[in-house]
Structures are given as structure tokens and as C-alpha cells.
Amino acid sequence: MISCKAVRLKTWSLFMIDLRLPPFAGLLIAGVIATLAMPVHAALDPAYVDRLGKVYTGIQQVAFERKSCQELAPASAKATDSAYADWKKSHRAFLGEFDARFERYLRSLPDAGKPAKYQQYRKIMAGKFAEQGLAWRAQMAHLSKPELQTRCEQFPRALQGVLDPQQKYASEIATLRSQAPLR
């Protein structure tokens, strides 16, 4: 059996070399989402949950990258912040849709109608995203100064390509929309 540490190092080194996101990063959150849903709430389609986890994690990863660049390469912070604000503005409908899908998912979990249980689910997911954000930053901190600077300088361009969840997860998004329209 391969240890998680070995898999993580291999995946992150791929990520650091060519700016691709870790191939299974979305699965980490999807696994957490599925774990919360499966034991009691079998009516929720696991394939839907997996796709939602991938896309929603992709959205979070954009924020992880921005925050890491702000902290680790402050010289690029102004350009990074500007690109991120423009990206959020131009993707407002998409971001709103997936916030609503994530919210609908959380509300569909067992006992989520009870305020305390719903808050527990929100805290669990917030904790998982915070852990992923810290891991993202730690991996970026391992880059050499020139690699880090280049990566953060390329953030605006990455938002139009490798970091854009709408491009990366286009087929998952189309399937989610056809499986469960919001309206």
C-alpha cells in the first residue's frame, strides 16, 4: 500500500512543475462530502456529490492560490488581487450557482434542518477547506524564490486557464446542471 505522504509528494511535485492542480485534490473534498452523505442519506447520488466536490474544490483552489501568492510573494499581491477581483466579477453567476449548489447539498444532509446540525456540517466543511488551504500554501512555500515569483506573476493568466474551474471541470459542470437544475 502506498502511503498518503508518498502520493501527496508525487502529486504536489507535478503541480509545482507545471502549474496543474493536483489531480485528486477535488476528490479529497468530494470524499468528505460523500462521507457525510452516504451513511444516512443514500438518496443523494454519489456521482453528483463527487462532481460537486470537484467543482467546488476547484473554486476554493483559486482562492488558495491567491492567498498563498499574497503571503509568499507580496510583490505580486497587487496584480494578484486585481486579477482575482476581475475573475470573481466576471464569474459571479457561476460562483453564485455553485455556492447555491453547495448550500443545497449541505441542507440535504441528515438533520440539516436542525440549526445545530447544519452549523456542524458547515464547520466540518470550513475546517476541511482551511486544511486544504494550509496544505496549498505549504506546498507553494517549498518552491524556490524564482519559481514562486514566476508562478504568482502568472496567476492572472492561470485564472484564464489551468486554475479556472469552468474550463477544468466543464464536463462535470454540464452533467451537474443536467442532473439537478437549480430552478
N, C-alpha and C. Protein backbone atom coordinates (compact mmCIF):
# COMPACT_ATOMS: atom_id res chain seq x y z
N MET A 1 0.84 -1.18 0.00
CA MET A 1 0.00 0.00 0.00
C MET A 1 0.89 1.24 0.00
N ILE A 2 0.55 2.21 -0.81
CA ILE A 2 1.31 3.45 -0.91
C ILE A 2 0.87 4.37 0.21
N SER A 3 1.82 4.98 0.88
CA SER A 3 1.44 5.89 1.96
C SER A 3 0.91 7.19 1.38
N CYS A 4 0.04 7.84 2.14
CA CYS A 4 -0.53 9.12 1.70
C CYS A 4 0.57 10.15 1.47
N LYS A 5 1.58 10.13 2.30
CA LYS A 5 2.67 11.09 2.16
C LYS A 5 3.37 10.94 0.81
N ALA A 6 3.63 9.70 0.39
CA ALA A 6 4.30 9.48 -0.89
C ALA A 6 3.43 9.95 -2.04
N VAL A 7 2.15 9.66 -1.99
CA VAL A 7 1.24 10.08 -3.04
C VAL A 7 1.16 11.59 -3.08
N ARG A 8 1.04 12.22 -1.91
CA ARG A 8 0.94 13.66 -1.85
C ARG A 8 2.18 14.33 -2.41
N LEU A 9 3.34 13.83 -2.07
CA LEU A 9 4.57 14.44 -2.58
C LEU A 9 4.65 14.32 -4.09
N LYS A 10 4.30 13.16 -4.61
CA LYS A 10 4.34 12.96 -6.06
C LYS A 10 3.36 13.91 -6.74
N THR A 11 2.16 13.99 -6.25
CA THR A 11 1.14 14.84 -6.85
C THR A 11 1.54 16.30 -6.77
N TRP A 12 1.97 16.74 -5.62
CA TRP A 12 2.32 18.15 -5.47
C TRP A 12 3.54 18.50 -6.31
N SER A 13 4.47 17.58 -6.48
CA SER A 13 5.62 17.92 -7.32
C SER A 13 5.17 18.10 -8.75
N LEU A 14 4.20 17.32 -9.21
CA LEU A 14 3.65 17.54 -10.54
C LEU A 14 3.01 18.91 -10.63
N PHE A 15 2.29 19.25 -9.60
CA PHE A 15 1.61 20.54 -9.55
C PHE A 15 2.62 21.68 -9.61
N MET A 16 3.68 21.55 -8.83
CA MET A 16 4.64 22.64 -8.75
C MET A 16 5.42 22.81 -10.05
N ILE A 17 5.61 21.77 -10.79
CA ILE A 17 6.40 21.87 -12.00
C ILE A 17 5.65 22.60 -13.10
N ASP A 18 4.37 22.28 -13.30
CA ASP A 18 3.71 22.83 -14.48
C ASP A 18 2.41 23.56 -14.19
N LEU A 19 2.20 23.99 -12.97
CA LEU A 19 1.02 24.78 -12.58
C LEU A 19 -0.29 24.02 -12.68
N ARG A 20 -0.27 22.72 -12.88
CA ARG A 20 -1.52 21.98 -12.87
C ARG A 20 -1.93 21.77 -11.43
N LEU A 21 -3.22 21.72 -11.21
CA LEU A 21 -3.73 21.43 -9.88
C LEU A 21 -3.51 19.96 -9.59
N PRO A 22 -3.38 19.59 -8.33
CA PRO A 22 -3.23 18.18 -8.02
C PRO A 22 -4.40 17.40 -8.59
N PRO A 23 -4.16 16.32 -9.29
CA PRO A 23 -5.24 15.61 -9.97
C PRO A 23 -6.32 15.09 -9.04
N PHE A 24 -5.99 14.78 -7.80
CA PHE A 24 -7.02 14.24 -6.93
C PHE A 24 -7.44 15.21 -5.84
N ALA A 25 -7.08 16.47 -5.94
CA ALA A 25 -7.45 17.43 -4.90
C ALA A 25 -8.96 17.55 -4.75
N GLY A 26 -9.67 17.58 -5.86
CA GLY A 26 -11.13 17.66 -5.78
C GLY A 26 -11.73 16.43 -5.13
N LEU A 27 -11.07 15.31 -5.30
CA LEU A 27 -11.57 14.07 -4.71
C LEU A 27 -11.47 14.10 -3.19
N LEU A 28 -10.50 14.84 -2.65
CA LEU A 28 -10.38 14.92 -1.20
C LEU A 28 -11.65 15.51 -0.59
N ILE A 29 -12.08 16.64 -1.12
CA ILE A 29 -13.29 17.26 -0.61
C ILE A 29 -14.51 16.44 -1.01
N ALA A 30 -14.51 15.92 -2.22
CA ALA A 30 -15.64 15.09 -2.64
C ALA A 30 -15.78 13.88 -1.71
N GLY A 31 -14.66 13.34 -1.30
CA GLY A 31 -14.69 12.20 -0.36
C GLY A 31 -15.29 12.60 0.97
N VAL A 32 -14.93 13.78 1.45
CA VAL A 32 -15.51 14.27 2.71
C VAL A 32 -17.01 14.47 2.54
N ILE A 33 -17.39 15.10 1.44
CA ILE A 33 -18.81 15.33 1.18
C ILE A 33 -19.55 13.99 1.09
N ALA A 34 -18.98 13.06 0.35
CA ALA A 34 -19.62 11.75 0.20
C ALA A 34 -19.69 11.03 1.53
N THR A 35 -18.66 11.15 2.35
CA THR A 35 -18.65 10.50 3.65
C THR A 35 -19.78 11.04 4.52
N LEU A 36 -19.98 12.34 4.46
CA LEU A 36 -21.07 12.91 5.24
C LEU A 36 -22.43 12.44 4.73
N ALA A 37 -22.55 12.28 3.43
CA ALA A 37 -23.84 11.98 2.82
C ALA A 37 -24.20 10.50 2.82
N MET A 38 -23.25 9.64 2.58
CA MET A 38 -23.56 8.25 2.29
C MET A 38 -24.19 7.44 3.42
N PRO A 39 -23.69 7.51 4.65
CA PRO A 39 -24.21 6.59 5.64
C PRO A 39 -25.72 6.68 5.84
N VAL A 40 -26.26 7.89 5.86
CA VAL A 40 -27.66 8.03 6.20
C VAL A 40 -28.49 8.52 5.02
N HIS A 41 -27.88 9.20 4.11
CA HIS A 41 -28.64 9.88 3.06
C HIS A 41 -28.35 9.24 1.70
N ALA A 42 -28.76 8.02 1.53
CA ALA A 42 -28.46 7.27 0.32
C ALA A 42 -29.19 7.81 -0.91
N ALA A 43 -30.22 8.62 -0.71
CA ALA A 43 -30.96 9.15 -1.85
C ALA A 43 -30.13 10.13 -2.67
N LEU A 44 -29.11 10.70 -2.07
CA LEU A 44 -28.25 11.63 -2.78
C LEU A 44 -27.28 10.83 -3.65
N ASP A 45 -27.26 11.13 -4.93
CA ASP A 45 -26.44 10.39 -5.89
C ASP A 45 -24.96 10.63 -5.62
N PRO A 46 -24.19 9.58 -5.32
CA PRO A 46 -22.76 9.75 -5.05
C PRO A 46 -22.00 10.37 -6.22
N ALA A 47 -22.42 10.09 -7.45
CA ALA A 47 -21.74 10.68 -8.62
C ALA A 47 -21.95 12.19 -8.64
N TYR A 48 -23.14 12.63 -8.29
CA TYR A 48 -23.42 14.06 -8.21
C TYR A 48 -22.54 14.70 -7.14
N VAL A 49 -22.46 14.06 -5.99
CA VAL A 49 -21.65 14.58 -4.88
C VAL A 49 -20.18 14.66 -5.28
N ASP A 50 -19.70 13.65 -5.98
CA ASP A 50 -18.31 13.64 -6.43
C ASP A 50 -18.04 14.80 -7.38
N ARG A 51 -18.93 14.99 -8.34
CA ARG A 51 -18.76 16.10 -9.30
C ARG A 51 -18.83 17.45 -8.59
N LEU A 52 -19.80 17.60 -7.71
CA LEU A 52 -19.94 18.85 -6.97
C LEU A 52 -18.67 19.12 -6.15
N GLY A 53 -18.14 18.09 -5.52
CA GLY A 53 -16.91 18.24 -4.73
C GLY A 53 -15.74 18.70 -5.58
N LYS A 54 -15.61 18.13 -6.77
CA LYS A 54 -14.51 18.52 -7.66
C LYS A 54 -14.62 19.99 -8.07
N VAL A 55 -15.82 20.37 -8.50
CA VAL A 55 -16.00 21.75 -8.98
C VAL A 55 -15.86 22.74 -7.83
N TYR A 56 -16.50 22.46 -6.71
CA TYR A 56 -16.45 23.40 -5.58
C TYR A 56 -15.03 23.51 -5.03
N THR A 57 -14.32 22.42 -5.00
CA THR A 57 -12.91 22.46 -4.57
C THR A 57 -12.08 23.26 -5.56
N GLY A 58 -12.35 23.11 -6.85
CA GLY A 58 -11.65 23.91 -7.86
C GLY A 58 -11.84 25.40 -7.63
N ILE A 59 -13.04 25.78 -7.23
CA ILE A 59 -13.31 27.19 -6.92
C ILE A 59 -12.49 27.62 -5.71
N GLN A 60 -12.44 26.79 -4.70
CA GLN A 60 -11.68 27.12 -3.49
C GLN A 60 -10.18 27.22 -3.80
N GLN A 61 -9.70 26.40 -4.72
CA GLN A 61 -8.28 26.40 -5.04
C GLN A 61 -7.82 27.71 -5.66
N VAL A 62 -8.71 28.38 -6.36
CA VAL A 62 -8.37 29.70 -6.90
C VAL A 62 -8.06 30.64 -5.73
N ALA A 63 -8.89 30.60 -4.71
CA ALA A 63 -8.66 31.45 -3.53
C ALA A 63 -7.40 31.02 -2.78
N PHE A 64 -7.14 29.72 -2.71
CA PHE A 64 -5.92 29.24 -2.05
C PHE A 64 -4.67 29.79 -2.74
N GLU A 65 -4.67 29.74 -4.06
CA GLU A 65 -3.53 30.21 -4.84
C GLU A 65 -3.32 31.72 -4.61
N ARG A 66 -4.42 32.47 -4.67
CA ARG A 66 -4.33 33.92 -4.46
C ARG A 66 -3.75 34.23 -3.09
N LYS A 67 -4.31 33.60 -2.06
CA LYS A 67 -3.85 33.88 -0.70
C LYS A 67 -2.39 33.48 -0.51
N SER A 68 -2.00 32.37 -1.08
CA SER A 68 -0.61 31.93 -0.98
C SER A 68 0.32 32.92 -1.65
N CYS A 69 -0.07 33.42 -2.81
CA CYS A 69 0.75 34.41 -3.50
C CYS A 69 0.83 35.70 -2.70
N GLN A 70 -0.27 36.12 -2.10
CA GLN A 70 -0.25 37.33 -1.28
C GLN A 70 0.76 37.21 -0.14
N GLU A 71 0.75 36.05 0.51
CA GLU A 71 1.60 35.86 1.68
C GLU A 71 3.06 35.57 1.32
N LEU A 72 3.27 34.81 0.27
CA LEU A 72 4.62 34.34 -0.04
C LEU A 72 5.35 35.20 -1.07
N ALA A 73 4.61 35.93 -1.87
CA ALA A 73 5.21 36.78 -2.91
C ALA A 73 4.50 38.14 -2.90
N PRO A 74 4.68 38.90 -1.84
CA PRO A 74 3.93 40.15 -1.69
C PRO A 74 4.15 41.15 -2.83
N ALA A 75 5.24 41.04 -3.54
CA ALA A 75 5.49 41.95 -4.66
C ALA A 75 4.44 41.78 -5.76
N SER A 76 3.85 40.59 -5.85
CA SER A 76 2.84 40.33 -6.88
C SER A 76 1.42 40.50 -6.34
N ALA A 77 1.29 40.91 -5.09
CA ALA A 77 -0.02 40.95 -4.44
C ALA A 77 -1.02 41.87 -5.16
N LYS A 78 -0.57 43.03 -5.59
CA LYS A 78 -1.48 43.96 -6.23
C LYS A 78 -2.05 43.37 -7.53
N ALA A 79 -1.20 42.82 -8.36
CA ALA A 79 -1.66 42.21 -9.61
C ALA A 79 -2.52 40.98 -9.35
N THR A 80 -2.14 40.20 -8.34
CA THR A 80 -2.91 39.01 -7.98
C THR A 80 -4.30 39.40 -7.51
N ASP A 81 -4.37 40.40 -6.62
CA ASP A 81 -5.67 40.85 -6.11
C ASP A 81 -6.55 41.41 -7.21
N SER A 82 -5.96 42.18 -8.09
CA SER A 82 -6.72 42.76 -9.19
C SER A 82 -7.27 41.67 -10.11
N ALA A 83 -6.43 40.72 -10.45
CA ALA A 83 -6.86 39.62 -11.33
C ALA A 83 -7.96 38.79 -10.65
N TYR A 84 -7.81 38.55 -9.37
CA TYR A 84 -8.79 37.76 -8.63
C TYR A 84 -10.14 38.50 -8.57
N ALA A 85 -10.10 39.80 -8.30
CA ALA A 85 -11.34 40.59 -8.26
C ALA A 85 -12.02 40.59 -9.62
N ASP A 86 -11.25 40.75 -10.69
CA ASP A 86 -11.82 40.71 -12.04
C ASP A 86 -12.41 39.33 -12.34
N TRP A 87 -11.70 38.28 -11.94
CA TRP A 87 -12.18 36.93 -12.17
C TRP A 87 -13.49 36.69 -11.43
N LYS A 88 -13.56 37.09 -10.15
CA LYS A 88 -14.78 36.91 -9.39
C LYS A 88 -15.94 37.69 -10.00
N LYS A 89 -15.65 38.89 -10.48
CA LYS A 89 -16.70 39.71 -11.08
C LYS A 89 -17.22 39.06 -12.37
N SER A 90 -16.32 38.60 -13.21
CA SER A 90 -16.74 38.01 -14.48
C SER A 90 -17.34 36.61 -14.31
N HIS A 91 -17.11 35.97 -13.19
CA HIS A 91 -17.65 34.64 -12.92
C HIS A 91 -18.72 34.66 -11.83
N ARG A 92 -19.28 35.83 -11.58
CA ARG A 92 -20.25 36.00 -10.49
C ARG A 92 -21.40 34.99 -10.58
N ALA A 93 -21.99 34.83 -11.75
CA ALA A 93 -23.13 33.90 -11.89
C ALA A 93 -22.70 32.46 -11.60
N PHE A 94 -21.56 32.06 -12.14
CA PHE A 94 -21.04 30.71 -11.90
C PHE A 94 -20.76 30.48 -10.41
N LEU A 95 -20.09 31.43 -9.78
CA LEU A 95 -19.77 31.30 -8.35
C LEU A 95 -21.04 31.24 -7.51
N GLY A 96 -22.00 32.08 -7.84
CA GLY A 96 -23.28 32.06 -7.13
C GLY A 96 -24.01 30.74 -7.29
N GLU A 97 -23.98 30.22 -8.51
CA GLU A 97 -24.62 28.94 -8.76
C GLU A 97 -24.00 27.83 -7.91
N PHE A 98 -22.68 27.79 -7.84
CA PHE A 98 -22.05 26.69 -7.11
C PHE A 98 -22.07 26.91 -5.61
N ASP A 99 -22.15 28.13 -5.16
CA ASP A 99 -22.42 28.37 -3.73
C ASP A 99 -23.82 27.84 -3.40
N ALA A 100 -24.78 28.11 -4.28
CA ALA A 100 -26.15 27.64 -4.06
C ALA A 100 -26.21 26.11 -4.11
N ARG A 101 -25.49 25.49 -5.03
CA ARG A 101 -25.47 24.02 -5.10
C ARG A 101 -24.85 23.43 -3.83
N PHE A 102 -23.78 24.03 -3.37
CA PHE A 102 -23.12 23.54 -2.16
C PHE A 102 -24.05 23.71 -0.96
N GLU A 103 -24.70 24.85 -0.89
CA GLU A 103 -25.65 25.11 0.20
C GLU A 103 -26.80 24.10 0.14
N ARG A 104 -27.33 23.85 -1.04
CA ARG A 104 -28.41 22.88 -1.19
C ARG A 104 -27.95 21.50 -0.76
N TYR A 105 -26.72 21.16 -1.11
CA TYR A 105 -26.16 19.87 -0.69
C TYR A 105 -26.12 19.79 0.84
N LEU A 106 -25.56 20.82 1.49
CA LEU A 106 -25.47 20.79 2.95
C LEU A 106 -26.85 20.68 3.60
N ARG A 107 -27.81 21.37 3.03
CA ARG A 107 -29.17 21.34 3.59
C ARG A 107 -29.85 20.00 3.36
N SER A 108 -29.34 19.20 2.42
CA SER A 108 -29.94 17.89 2.15
C SER A 108 -29.39 16.79 3.06
N LEU A 109 -28.37 17.11 3.83
CA LEU A 109 -27.78 16.10 4.71
C LEU A 109 -28.73 15.78 5.86
N PRO A 110 -28.56 14.62 6.47
CA PRO A 110 -29.46 14.22 7.56
C PRO A 110 -29.48 15.25 8.69
N ASP A 111 -30.68 15.58 9.10
CA ASP A 111 -30.92 16.51 10.21
C ASP A 111 -30.41 17.92 9.96
N ALA A 112 -30.11 18.26 8.70
CA ALA A 112 -29.61 19.60 8.41
C ALA A 112 -30.68 20.66 8.63
N GLY A 113 -31.93 20.25 8.78
CA GLY A 113 -32.99 21.20 9.11
C GLY A 113 -32.87 21.71 10.53
N LYS A 114 -32.12 21.00 11.34
CA LYS A 114 -31.87 21.45 12.71
C LYS A 114 -30.69 22.41 12.68
N PRO A 115 -30.85 23.62 13.17
CA PRO A 115 -29.78 24.61 13.08
C PRO A 115 -28.43 24.14 13.62
N ALA A 116 -28.42 23.44 14.72
CA ALA A 116 -27.14 22.99 15.30
C ALA A 116 -26.45 21.98 14.39
N LYS A 117 -27.22 21.08 13.80
CA LYS A 117 -26.64 20.07 12.91
C LYS A 117 -26.12 20.72 11.63
N TYR A 118 -26.91 21.64 11.08
CA TYR A 118 -26.48 22.36 9.87
C TYR A 118 -25.18 23.11 10.15
N GLN A 119 -25.10 23.80 11.27
CA GLN A 119 -23.87 24.52 11.61
C GLN A 119 -22.70 23.57 11.77
N GLN A 120 -22.96 22.39 12.30
CA GLN A 120 -21.90 21.38 12.43
C GLN A 120 -21.38 20.99 11.04
N TYR A 121 -22.27 20.77 10.10
CA TYR A 121 -21.85 20.44 8.74
C TYR A 121 -21.04 21.57 8.13
N ARG A 122 -21.48 22.80 8.31
CA ARG A 122 -20.75 23.95 7.77
C ARG A 122 -19.35 24.03 8.39
N LYS A 123 -19.25 23.82 9.68
CA LYS A 123 -17.95 23.88 10.36
C LYS A 123 -17.02 22.77 9.88
N ILE A 124 -17.56 21.59 9.67
CA ILE A 124 -16.75 20.47 9.17
C ILE A 124 -16.16 20.84 7.81
N MET A 125 -17.01 21.33 6.92
CA MET A 125 -16.53 21.67 5.58
C MET A 125 -15.58 22.87 5.62
N ALA A 126 -15.87 23.86 6.43
CA ALA A 126 -14.97 25.01 6.56
C ALA A 126 -13.60 24.55 7.06
N GLY A 127 -13.60 23.62 7.99
CA GLY A 127 -12.34 23.08 8.51
C GLY A 127 -11.57 22.33 7.43
N LYS A 128 -12.26 21.56 6.63
CA LYS A 128 -11.60 20.82 5.55
C LYS A 128 -11.00 21.78 4.52
N PHE A 129 -11.75 22.83 4.16
CA PHE A 129 -11.22 23.80 3.22
C PHE A 129 -10.04 24.57 3.82
N ALA A 130 -10.10 24.87 5.11
CA ALA A 130 -8.98 25.56 5.76
C ALA A 130 -7.74 24.67 5.75
N GLU A 131 -7.91 23.39 6.02
CA GLU A 131 -6.78 22.45 5.97
C GLU A 131 -6.18 22.40 4.57
N GLN A 132 -7.04 22.34 3.56
CA GLN A 132 -6.54 22.30 2.19
C GLN A 132 -5.80 23.59 1.84
N GLY A 133 -6.32 24.72 2.30
CA GLY A 133 -5.65 26.00 2.05
C GLY A 133 -4.26 26.04 2.67
N LEU A 134 -4.14 25.54 3.88
CA LEU A 134 -2.83 25.50 4.54
C LEU A 134 -1.87 24.56 3.81
N ALA A 135 -2.38 23.43 3.36
CA ALA A 135 -1.54 22.48 2.61
C ALA A 135 -1.09 23.11 1.29
N TRP A 136 -1.98 23.84 0.65
CA TRP A 136 -1.66 24.52 -0.61
C TRP A 136 -0.52 25.50 -0.39
N ARG A 137 -0.66 26.33 0.66
CA ARG A 137 0.35 27.33 0.98
C ARG A 137 1.69 26.65 1.31
N ALA A 138 1.64 25.58 2.08
CA ALA A 138 2.87 24.86 2.46
C ALA A 138 3.59 24.34 1.22
N GLN A 139 2.85 23.81 0.27
CA GLN A 139 3.48 23.31 -0.95
C GLN A 139 4.09 24.44 -1.77
N MET A 140 3.39 25.56 -1.83
CA MET A 140 3.95 26.70 -2.57
C MET A 140 5.18 27.25 -1.85
N ALA A 141 5.21 27.18 -0.53
CA ALA A 141 6.36 27.66 0.23
C ALA A 141 7.61 26.84 -0.06
N HIS A 142 7.45 25.64 -0.56
CA HIS A 142 8.59 24.78 -0.89
C HIS A 142 9.21 25.12 -2.24
N LEU A 143 8.55 25.98 -3.01
CA LEU A 143 9.11 26.39 -4.30
C LEU A 143 10.31 27.30 -4.07
N SER A 144 11.23 27.30 -5.01
CA SER A 144 12.34 28.25 -4.93
C SER A 144 11.77 29.66 -5.13
N LYS A 145 12.50 30.66 -4.70
CA LYS A 145 12.04 32.06 -4.86
C LYS A 145 11.69 32.38 -6.31
N PRO A 146 12.56 32.04 -7.28
CA PRO A 146 12.22 32.34 -8.67
C PRO A 146 10.97 31.60 -9.16
N GLU A 147 10.82 30.33 -8.76
CA GLU A 147 9.63 29.56 -9.16
C GLU A 147 8.36 30.16 -8.57
N LEU A 148 8.45 30.52 -7.30
CA LEU A 148 7.31 31.12 -6.63
C LEU A 148 6.94 32.45 -7.27
N GLN A 149 7.93 33.27 -7.53
CA GLN A 149 7.67 34.57 -8.14
C GLN A 149 7.04 34.41 -9.53
N THR A 150 7.58 33.49 -10.31
CA THR A 150 7.03 33.24 -11.65
C THR A 150 5.59 32.75 -11.55
N ARG A 151 5.36 31.82 -10.66
CA ARG A 151 4.02 31.27 -10.50
C ARG A 151 3.01 32.35 -10.10
N CYS A 152 3.40 33.20 -9.17
CA CYS A 152 2.49 34.25 -8.72
C CYS A 152 2.31 35.33 -9.78
N GLU A 153 3.35 35.60 -10.53
CA GLU A 153 3.22 36.54 -11.64
C GLU A 153 2.30 35.98 -12.72
N GLN A 154 2.25 34.66 -12.85
CA GLN A 154 1.41 34.01 -13.86
C GLN A 154 -0.02 33.78 -13.37
N PHE A 155 -0.31 34.14 -12.14
CA PHE A 155 -1.64 33.93 -11.58
C PHE A 155 -2.76 34.51 -12.46
N PRO A 156 -2.65 35.76 -12.94
CA PRO A 156 -3.73 36.29 -13.79
C PRO A 156 -3.97 35.42 -15.04
N ARG A 157 -2.91 34.94 -15.65
CA ARG A 157 -3.05 34.09 -16.83
C ARG A 157 -3.60 32.71 -16.44
N ALA A 158 -3.19 32.21 -15.28
CA ALA A 158 -3.68 30.91 -14.81
C ALA A 158 -5.19 30.94 -14.57
N LEU A 159 -5.70 32.11 -14.17
CA LEU A 159 -7.15 32.25 -13.96
C LEU A 159 -7.93 32.07 -15.26
N GLN A 160 -7.26 32.28 -16.36
CA GLN A 160 -7.89 32.11 -17.67
C GLN A 160 -7.69 30.70 -18.21
N GLY A 161 -6.97 29.86 -17.48
CA GLY A 161 -6.65 28.52 -17.97
C GLY A 161 -6.64 27.49 -16.87
N VAL A 162 -5.45 27.09 -16.42
CA VAL A 162 -5.30 25.94 -15.52
C VAL A 162 -6.00 26.09 -14.18
N LEU A 163 -6.20 27.31 -13.69
CA LEU A 163 -6.88 27.48 -12.41
C LEU A 163 -8.39 27.69 -12.57
N ASP A 164 -8.87 27.92 -13.76
CA ASP A 164 -10.29 28.23 -13.95
C ASP A 164 -11.14 26.96 -13.88
N PRO A 165 -11.94 26.81 -12.82
CA PRO A 165 -12.74 25.60 -12.68
C PRO A 165 -13.76 25.43 -13.80
N GLN A 166 -14.22 26.52 -14.40
CA GLN A 166 -15.18 26.38 -15.50
C GLN A 166 -14.55 25.68 -16.70
N GLN A 167 -13.28 25.90 -16.91
CA GLN A 167 -12.60 25.22 -18.01
C GLN A 167 -12.18 23.81 -17.60
N LYS A 168 -11.60 23.71 -16.41
CA LYS A 168 -11.07 22.44 -15.96
C LYS A 168 -12.16 21.39 -15.76
N TYR A 169 -13.32 21.83 -15.28
CA TYR A 169 -14.40 20.89 -14.96
C TYR A 169 -15.63 21.12 -15.82
N ALA A 170 -15.43 21.49 -17.06
CA ALA A 170 -16.56 21.80 -17.96
C ALA A 170 -17.53 20.63 -18.08
N SER A 171 -17.03 19.42 -18.24
CA SER A 171 -17.94 18.28 -18.41
C SER A 171 -18.69 17.98 -17.11
N GLU A 172 -18.01 18.09 -15.96
CA GLU A 172 -18.67 17.88 -14.68
C GLU A 172 -19.76 18.92 -14.46
N ILE A 173 -19.48 20.16 -14.82
CA ILE A 173 -20.45 21.24 -14.65
C ILE A 173 -21.68 20.98 -15.52
N ALA A 174 -21.46 20.59 -16.76
CA ALA A 174 -22.58 20.30 -17.66
C ALA A 174 -23.43 19.16 -17.11
N THR A 175 -22.78 18.13 -16.60
CA THR A 175 -23.52 16.99 -16.05
C THR A 175 -24.29 17.41 -14.80
N LEU A 176 -23.66 18.17 -13.91
CA LEU A 176 -24.35 18.64 -12.71
C LEU A 176 -25.61 19.44 -13.08
N ARG A 177 -25.46 20.30 -14.05
CA ARG A 177 -26.59 21.14 -14.47
C ARG A 177 -27.72 20.31 -15.07
N SER A 178 -27.35 19.29 -15.82
CA SER A 178 -28.40 18.45 -16.42
C SER A 178 -29.04 17.52 -15.38
N GLN A 179 -28.23 17.02 -14.43
CA GLN A 179 -28.74 16.14 -13.39
C GLN A 179 -29.68 16.85 -12.42
N ALA A 180 -29.32 18.06 -12.03
CA ALA A 180 -30.06 18.77 -11.00
C ALA A 180 -30.07 20.27 -11.30
N PRO A 181 -30.97 20.69 -12.17
CA PRO A 181 -31.08 22.12 -12.41
C PRO A 181 -31.43 22.85 -11.12
N LEU A 182 -30.89 24.02 -10.93
CA LEU A 182 -31.18 24.78 -9.71
C LEU A 182 -32.60 25.30 -9.67
N ARG A 183 -33.16 25.56 -10.80
CA ARG A 183 -34.51 26.16 -10.82
C ARG A 183 -35.53 25.18 -11.29
